[in-house]
Amino acid sequence: MNNPLIWSIVLPLLFGLLSCAIAAHKNRSRPGWFFAGVLLGPFGLLVAFFPRIQPHETENSDIASDLATGSVGEKK
């Protein structure tokens, strides 16, 4: 198996499958992480190990809720 063409197919698929397995264990998108592993290789696999980033509340969410309720400019 010294053919570079074989390794250029086998290694990306291996990284894709490993990323997919990690994603499945963490309840993430399997197809998305498979393609991330294939395209990014070891970097995709490394990122799959990272914890999910939780978004935090910002003032923009208050503005959006004010716009939705029609209470723009009113003091709370």
Protein backbone atom coordinates (compact mmCIF):
# COMPACT_ATOMS: atom_id res chain seq x y z
CA MET A 1 0.00 0.00 0.00
CA ASN A 2 2.67 2.49 -0.98
CA ASN A 3 0.46 4.08 -3.60
CA PRO A 4 -0.04 7.78 -2.71
CA LEU A 5 -3.45 7.77 -4.39
CA ILE A 6 -4.68 5.09 -1.99
CA TRP A 7 -3.47 7.08 1.03
CA SER A 8 -5.03 10.29 -0.30
CA ILE A 9 -8.38 8.49 -0.17
CA VAL A 10 -7.94 6.29 2.91
CA LEU A 11 -6.65 8.93 5.34
CA PRO A 12 -9.39 11.52 4.73
CA LEU A 13 -12.04 8.81 5.05
CA LEU A 14 -10.43 7.63 8.29
CA PHE A 15 -10.44 11.17 9.72
CA GLY A 16 -14.04 11.57 8.57
CA LEU A 17 -15.17 8.36 10.23
CA LEU A 18 -13.38 9.18 13.49
CA SER A 19 -14.86 12.69 13.55
CA CYS A 20 -18.29 11.21 12.83
CA ALA A 21 -17.95 8.74 15.71
CA ILE A 22 -16.96 11.49 18.14
CA ALA A 23 -19.84 13.66 16.94
CA ALA A 24 -22.32 10.81 17.41
CA HIS A 25 -21.08 10.32 20.96
CA LYS A 26 -21.64 14.05 21.66
CA ASN A 27 -25.08 14.21 19.94
CA ARG A 28 -23.81 16.41 17.11
CA SER A 29 -24.44 16.30 13.38
CA ARG A 30 -22.82 13.12 12.06
CA PRO A 31 -22.77 14.05 8.36
CA GLY A 32 -21.46 17.53 9.09
CA TRP A 33 -18.61 16.25 11.22
CA PHE A 34 -17.83 13.50 8.72
CA PHE A 35 -17.29 16.10 6.02
CA ALA A 36 -15.36 18.33 8.43
CA GLY A 37 -13.06 15.38 9.17
CA VAL A 38 -12.63 14.60 5.47
CA LEU A 39 -11.94 18.19 4.47
CA LEU A 40 -9.90 19.30 7.48
CA GLY A 41 -8.18 16.02 8.30
CA PRO A 42 -6.50 15.97 11.71
CA PHE A 43 -7.71 19.52 12.43
CA GLY A 44 -11.34 18.45 11.99
CA LEU A 45 -10.72 15.53 14.30
CA LEU A 46 -9.12 17.81 16.87
CA VAL A 47 -12.02 20.30 16.74
CA ALA A 48 -14.52 17.45 17.17
CA PHE A 49 -13.01 16.85 20.63
CA PHE A 50 -13.67 20.46 21.72
CA PRO A 51 -16.74 21.13 23.86
CA ARG A 52 -19.70 22.87 22.30
CA ILE A 53 -19.67 26.65 22.73
CA GLN A 54 -22.81 27.90 24.45
CA PRO A 55 -24.08 31.28 23.22
CA HIS A 56 -24.63 33.84 25.94
CA GLU A 57 -27.32 36.49 26.26
CA THR A 58 -26.48 39.87 24.82
CA GLU A 59 -28.22 43.21 24.59
CA ASN A 60 -29.14 42.38 21.02
CA SER A 61 -31.54 39.70 22.24
CA ASP A 62 -33.30 42.36 24.38
CA ILE A 63 -33.57 44.63 21.36
CA ALA A 64 -34.99 41.81 19.26
CA SER A 65 -37.59 40.99 21.91
CA ASP A 66 -38.49 44.69 22.19
CA LEU A 67 -38.99 44.86 18.45
CA ALA A 68 -41.14 41.74 18.53
CA THR A 69 -43.38 43.07 21.31
CA GLY A 70 -43.51 46.62 20.03
CA SER A 71 -42.04 48.12 23.20
CA VAL A 72 -39.09 49.88 21.56
CA GLY A 73 -37.90 52.89 23.53
CA GLU A 74 -39.94 52.15 26.65
CA LYS A 75 -38.09 52.00 29.95
CA LYS A 76 -38.24 48.75 31.84
